[in-house]
Amino acid sequence: MATKTVLGETEHHVLLAAARLGPDAHTVRIVRELGERTGRDVAPAAVYIALRRLEEHGLVRSRMVTTEGDWRVRRQFEVTAPGRRLLRASRERLLKLWDGLDPLWKAR
């Protein structure tokens, strides 16, 4: 059951990366995606903790998978419908906050 109504920055970033990666969303790929997109180093432990919290709130679900020809088992994450709804609501809130600020940046 999704109980969160607001995401922290790390959770927001992790949820967006998982949504972007789709079926390839596992911790290592999410860490790489965040590093590439934000230009910042991201601690795998921070991603792991955020994913665990997101799963506890029903915003992502996970399953264990092995890829063909690979002996490793990975936990793969999928953004749930409540997770997608929360991302959309968060995007709307941010867009409303940014609305009308463009003239401020042009004047400087």
N, C-alpha and C. Protein backbone atom coordinates (compact mmCIF):
# COMPACT_ATOMS: atom_id res chain seq x y z
N MET A 1 0.84 -1.18 0.00
CA MET A 1 0.00 0.00 0.00
C MET A 1 0.88 1.24 0.00
N ALA A 2 0.64 2.15 -0.91
CA ALA A 2 1.43 3.37 -1.01
C ALA A 2 0.99 4.35 0.06
N THR A 3 1.91 4.65 0.98
CA THR A 3 1.57 5.57 2.06
C THR A 3 2.30 6.89 1.90
N LYS A 4 3.30 6.96 1.06
CA LYS A 4 4.05 8.20 0.87
C LYS A 4 3.28 9.12 -0.06
N THR A 5 3.32 10.40 0.25
CA THR A 5 2.70 11.38 -0.64
C THR A 5 3.74 12.36 -1.17
N VAL A 6 4.93 12.36 -0.57
CA VAL A 6 6.02 13.23 -0.99
C VAL A 6 7.30 12.41 -0.97
N LEU A 7 8.13 12.64 -1.97
CA LEU A 7 9.40 11.92 -2.07
C LEU A 7 10.56 12.80 -1.65
N GLY A 8 11.53 12.20 -0.96
CA GLY A 8 12.78 12.89 -0.72
C GLY A 8 13.57 12.93 -2.02
N GLU A 9 14.61 13.73 -2.08
CA GLU A 9 15.37 13.88 -3.32
C GLU A 9 15.95 12.57 -3.81
N THR A 10 16.59 11.81 -2.94
CA THR A 10 17.20 10.55 -3.37
C THR A 10 16.14 9.57 -3.83
N GLU A 11 15.05 9.45 -3.08
CA GLU A 11 13.97 8.56 -3.50
C GLU A 11 13.39 8.99 -4.85
N HIS A 12 13.23 10.28 -5.02
CA HIS A 12 12.71 10.81 -6.28
C HIS A 12 13.63 10.42 -7.44
N HIS A 13 14.91 10.67 -7.26
CA HIS A 13 15.88 10.34 -8.31
C HIS A 13 15.89 8.85 -8.61
N VAL A 14 15.90 8.03 -7.57
CA VAL A 14 15.92 6.57 -7.75
C VAL A 14 14.66 6.10 -8.46
N LEU A 15 13.52 6.63 -8.07
CA LEU A 15 12.26 6.22 -8.70
C LEU A 15 12.24 6.64 -10.17
N LEU A 16 12.73 7.82 -10.48
CA LEU A 16 12.81 8.26 -11.87
C LEU A 16 13.74 7.38 -12.68
N ALA A 17 14.90 7.05 -12.11
CA ALA A 17 15.86 6.18 -12.82
C ALA A 17 15.26 4.81 -13.06
N ALA A 18 14.57 4.26 -12.07
CA ALA A 18 13.94 2.95 -12.23
C ALA A 18 12.87 3.00 -13.32
N ALA A 19 12.11 4.08 -13.36
CA ALA A 19 11.09 4.22 -14.39
C ALA A 19 11.74 4.29 -15.77
N ARG A 20 12.84 5.03 -15.87
CA ARG A 20 13.54 5.19 -17.15
C ARG A 20 14.13 3.86 -17.62
N LEU A 21 14.68 3.08 -16.70
CA LEU A 21 15.35 1.83 -17.07
C LEU A 21 14.38 0.70 -17.36
N GLY A 22 13.17 0.80 -16.84
CA GLY A 22 12.18 -0.25 -17.09
C GLY A 22 12.66 -1.60 -16.61
N PRO A 23 12.61 -2.61 -17.47
CA PRO A 23 12.96 -3.97 -17.03
C PRO A 23 14.44 -4.15 -16.67
N ASP A 24 15.28 -3.19 -17.00
CA ASP A 24 16.70 -3.28 -16.65
C ASP A 24 17.02 -2.60 -15.33
N ALA A 25 16.02 -2.27 -14.54
CA ALA A 25 16.23 -1.52 -13.31
C ALA A 25 16.68 -2.44 -12.18
N HIS A 26 17.97 -2.45 -11.94
CA HIS A 26 18.52 -3.09 -10.75
C HIS A 26 19.53 -2.12 -10.16
N THR A 27 19.97 -2.37 -8.96
CA THR A 27 20.74 -1.39 -8.21
C THR A 27 21.93 -0.84 -8.98
N VAL A 28 22.73 -1.71 -9.58
CA VAL A 28 23.94 -1.26 -10.29
C VAL A 28 23.57 -0.35 -11.47
N ARG A 29 22.56 -0.74 -12.23
CA ARG A 29 22.13 0.08 -13.37
C ARG A 29 21.57 1.42 -12.91
N ILE A 30 20.84 1.42 -11.81
CA ILE A 30 20.28 2.66 -11.28
C ILE A 30 21.40 3.60 -10.83
N VAL A 31 22.40 3.05 -10.15
CA VAL A 31 23.55 3.87 -9.73
C VAL A 31 24.23 4.50 -10.94
N ARG A 32 24.46 3.71 -11.98
CA ARG A 32 25.09 4.23 -13.21
C ARG A 32 24.23 5.30 -13.86
N GLU A 33 22.94 5.03 -13.97
CA GLU A 33 22.01 5.98 -14.60
C GLU A 33 22.01 7.31 -13.86
N LEU A 34 21.95 7.25 -12.55
CA LEU A 34 21.95 8.48 -11.75
C LEU A 34 23.26 9.23 -11.92
N GLY A 35 24.38 8.52 -11.93
CA GLY A 35 25.67 9.17 -12.12
C GLY A 35 25.76 9.86 -13.46
N GLU A 36 25.30 9.18 -14.51
CA GLU A 36 25.35 9.76 -15.85
C GLU A 36 24.42 10.96 -16.00
N ARG A 37 23.23 10.85 -15.45
CA ARG A 37 22.23 11.92 -15.63
C ARG A 37 22.45 13.12 -14.72
N THR A 38 22.98 12.89 -13.52
CA THR A 38 23.14 14.00 -12.58
C THR A 38 24.56 14.54 -12.54
N GLY A 39 25.52 13.75 -13.04
CA GLY A 39 26.91 14.16 -12.98
C GLY A 39 27.49 14.08 -11.57
N ARG A 40 26.81 13.36 -10.70
CA ARG A 40 27.27 13.22 -9.32
C ARG A 40 27.55 11.76 -9.02
N ASP A 41 28.50 11.53 -8.12
CA ASP A 41 28.73 10.17 -7.64
C ASP A 41 27.57 9.78 -6.73
N VAL A 42 27.08 8.58 -6.92
CA VAL A 42 25.96 8.10 -6.13
C VAL A 42 26.40 6.84 -5.41
N ALA A 43 26.20 6.80 -4.12
CA ALA A 43 26.58 5.64 -3.32
C ALA A 43 25.58 4.51 -3.55
N PRO A 44 26.07 3.33 -3.91
CA PRO A 44 25.15 2.19 -4.08
C PRO A 44 24.31 1.93 -2.83
N ALA A 45 24.88 2.14 -1.65
CA ALA A 45 24.12 1.92 -0.42
C ALA A 45 22.92 2.86 -0.33
N ALA A 46 23.09 4.10 -0.77
CA ALA A 46 21.98 5.06 -0.74
C ALA A 46 20.87 4.62 -1.68
N VAL A 47 21.24 4.08 -2.84
CA VAL A 47 20.24 3.59 -3.79
C VAL A 47 19.54 2.37 -3.21
N TYR A 48 20.30 1.47 -2.61
CA TYR A 48 19.72 0.27 -2.02
C TYR A 48 18.71 0.65 -0.93
N ILE A 49 19.08 1.57 -0.06
CA ILE A 49 18.19 2.01 1.03
C ILE A 49 16.93 2.67 0.46
N ALA A 50 17.10 3.52 -0.55
CA ALA A 50 15.94 4.19 -1.16
C ALA A 50 15.01 3.16 -1.80
N LEU A 51 15.58 2.18 -2.49
CA LEU A 51 14.75 1.14 -3.12
C LEU A 51 13.98 0.34 -2.07
N ARG A 52 14.64 0.04 -0.97
CA ARG A 52 13.96 -0.71 0.10
C ARG A 52 12.78 0.10 0.65
N ARG A 53 13.01 1.41 0.89
CA ARG A 53 11.92 2.26 1.40
C ARG A 53 10.79 2.38 0.37
N LEU A 54 11.16 2.56 -0.89
CA LEU A 54 10.15 2.67 -1.95
C LEU A 54 9.32 1.39 -2.04
N GLU A 55 9.98 0.25 -1.87
CA GLU A 55 9.26 -1.03 -1.92
C GLU A 55 8.35 -1.19 -0.70
N GLU A 56 8.83 -0.76 0.46
CA GLU A 56 7.99 -0.83 1.67
C GLU A 56 6.71 -0.02 1.51
N HIS A 57 6.77 1.04 0.73
CA HIS A 57 5.61 1.90 0.52
C HIS A 57 4.82 1.52 -0.74
N GLY A 58 5.21 0.44 -1.40
CA GLY A 58 4.46 -0.03 -2.56
C GLY A 58 4.68 0.77 -3.82
N LEU A 59 5.76 1.56 -3.87
CA LEU A 59 6.02 2.39 -5.04
C LEU A 59 6.85 1.67 -6.09
N VAL A 60 7.57 0.64 -5.67
CA VAL A 60 8.25 -0.28 -6.58
C VAL A 60 8.00 -1.69 -6.05
N ARG A 61 8.18 -2.66 -6.93
CA ARG A 61 8.16 -4.06 -6.51
C ARG A 61 9.40 -4.70 -7.11
N SER A 62 9.85 -5.74 -6.47
CA SER A 62 11.07 -6.39 -6.95
C SER A 62 10.86 -7.88 -7.13
N ARG A 63 11.76 -8.44 -7.89
CA ARG A 63 11.79 -9.90 -8.07
C ARG A 63 13.23 -10.28 -8.36
N MET A 64 13.55 -11.50 -8.04
CA MET A 64 14.90 -12.00 -8.28
C MET A 64 14.94 -12.61 -9.68
N VAL A 65 15.96 -12.24 -10.45
CA VAL A 65 16.09 -12.74 -11.82
C VAL A 65 17.54 -13.11 -12.10
N THR A 66 17.70 -14.04 -13.02
CA THR A 66 19.02 -14.34 -13.57
C THR A 66 18.94 -14.08 -15.05
N THR A 67 19.99 -13.51 -15.60
CA THR A 67 20.00 -13.27 -17.04
C THR A 67 20.62 -14.47 -17.72
N GLU A 68 20.20 -14.70 -18.93
CA GLU A 68 20.68 -15.85 -19.68
C GLU A 68 22.20 -15.81 -19.81
N GLY A 69 22.85 -16.91 -19.52
CA GLY A 69 24.30 -16.99 -19.61
C GLY A 69 25.04 -16.34 -18.45
N ASP A 70 24.31 -15.89 -17.46
CA ASP A 70 24.93 -15.23 -16.31
C ASP A 70 24.52 -15.99 -15.06
N TRP A 71 25.45 -16.28 -14.20
CA TRP A 71 25.17 -17.05 -13.00
C TRP A 71 24.66 -16.20 -11.84
N ARG A 72 24.79 -14.88 -11.98
CA ARG A 72 24.39 -14.00 -10.87
C ARG A 72 22.87 -13.82 -10.82
N VAL A 73 22.38 -13.73 -9.60
CA VAL A 73 20.97 -13.42 -9.37
C VAL A 73 20.91 -11.96 -8.95
N ARG A 74 20.02 -11.22 -9.58
CA ARG A 74 19.86 -9.79 -9.27
C ARG A 74 18.43 -9.51 -8.87
N ARG A 75 18.29 -8.51 -8.02
CA ARG A 75 16.95 -8.04 -7.67
C ARG A 75 16.58 -6.95 -8.67
N GLN A 76 15.53 -7.21 -9.42
CA GLN A 76 15.07 -6.29 -10.46
C GLN A 76 13.86 -5.53 -9.92
N PHE A 77 13.81 -4.23 -10.22
CA PHE A 77 12.75 -3.38 -9.68
C PHE A 77 11.85 -2.87 -10.79
N GLU A 78 10.59 -2.74 -10.45
CA GLU A 78 9.60 -2.21 -11.38
C GLU A 78 8.78 -1.15 -10.63
N VAL A 79 8.58 -0.01 -11.26
CA VAL A 79 7.77 1.05 -10.67
C VAL A 79 6.31 0.63 -10.78
N THR A 80 5.61 0.69 -9.66
CA THR A 80 4.20 0.29 -9.63
C THR A 80 3.31 1.46 -10.06
N ALA A 81 2.02 1.17 -10.23
CA ALA A 81 1.07 2.23 -10.59
C ALA A 81 1.05 3.34 -9.53
N PRO A 82 1.03 3.02 -8.23
CA PRO A 82 1.11 4.11 -7.25
C PRO A 82 2.42 4.91 -7.36
N GLY A 83 3.50 4.25 -7.71
CA GLY A 83 4.77 4.95 -7.90
C GLY A 83 4.71 5.91 -9.07
N ARG A 84 4.08 5.48 -10.16
CA ARG A 84 3.93 6.35 -11.33
C ARG A 84 3.02 7.54 -11.00
N ARG A 85 1.95 7.28 -10.25
CA ARG A 85 1.06 8.38 -9.86
C ARG A 85 1.79 9.40 -8.98
N LEU A 86 2.60 8.91 -8.05
CA LEU A 86 3.34 9.82 -7.18
C LEU A 86 4.36 10.63 -7.98
N LEU A 87 5.01 10.00 -8.96
CA LEU A 87 5.95 10.74 -9.81
C LEU A 87 5.23 11.83 -10.59
N ARG A 88 4.06 11.51 -11.14
CA ARG A 88 3.30 12.52 -11.89
C ARG A 88 2.89 13.68 -10.99
N ALA A 89 2.42 13.37 -9.79
CA ALA A 89 2.01 14.42 -8.85
C ALA A 89 3.21 15.28 -8.45
N SER A 90 4.35 14.65 -8.25
CA SER A 90 5.56 15.38 -7.88
C SER A 90 5.99 16.29 -9.02
N ARG A 91 5.91 15.79 -10.25
CA ARG A 91 6.26 16.60 -11.41
C ARG A 91 5.36 17.82 -11.51
N GLU A 92 4.07 17.62 -11.30
CA GLU A 92 3.12 18.74 -11.36
C GLU A 92 3.44 19.79 -10.30
N ARG A 93 3.76 19.35 -9.08
CA ARG A 93 4.10 20.30 -8.02
C ARG A 93 5.34 21.10 -8.39
N LEU A 94 6.36 20.41 -8.93
CA LEU A 94 7.59 21.10 -9.31
C LEU A 94 7.36 22.08 -10.46
N LEU A 95 6.57 21.68 -11.44
CA LEU A 95 6.28 22.59 -12.56
C LEU A 95 5.55 23.83 -12.08
N LYS A 96 4.63 23.67 -11.13
CA LYS A 96 3.92 24.83 -10.58
C LYS A 96 4.87 25.76 -9.85
N LEU A 97 5.84 25.17 -9.16
CA LEU A 97 6.83 26.00 -8.46
C LEU A 97 7.72 26.75 -9.44
N TRP A 98 8.05 26.13 -10.56
CA TRP A 98 8.90 26.77 -11.56
C TRP A 98 8.14 27.78 -12.41
N ASP A 99 6.83 27.63 -12.49
CA ASP A 99 6.02 28.49 -13.35
C ASP A 99 6.23 29.97 -13.00
N GLY A 100 6.56 30.74 -14.02
CA GLY A 100 6.74 32.18 -13.86
C GLY A 100 8.13 32.62 -13.44
N LEU A 101 9.04 31.69 -13.24
CA LEU A 101 10.38 32.07 -12.80
C LEU A 101 11.34 32.38 -13.95
N ASP A 102 10.99 32.07 -15.16
CA ASP A 102 11.88 32.32 -16.30
C ASP A 102 12.35 33.77 -16.39
N PRO A 103 11.48 34.76 -16.20
CA PRO A 103 11.96 36.15 -16.26
C PRO A 103 13.04 36.48 -15.22
N LEU A 104 13.00 35.82 -14.10
CA LEU A 104 14.03 36.05 -13.08
C LEU A 104 15.41 35.64 -13.58
N TRP A 105 15.48 34.55 -14.31
CA TRP A 105 16.78 34.06 -14.80
C TRP A 105 17.27 34.91 -15.97
N LYS A 106 16.37 35.42 -16.78
CA LYS A 106 16.76 36.23 -17.94
C LYS A 106 17.24 37.61 -17.51
N ALA A 107 16.74 38.11 -16.41
CA ALA A 107 17.10 39.46 -15.96
C ALA A 107 18.49 39.51 -15.33
N ARG A 108 19.05 38.39 -14.97
CA ARG A 108 20.34 38.39 -14.27
C ARG A 108 21.49 38.32 -15.20
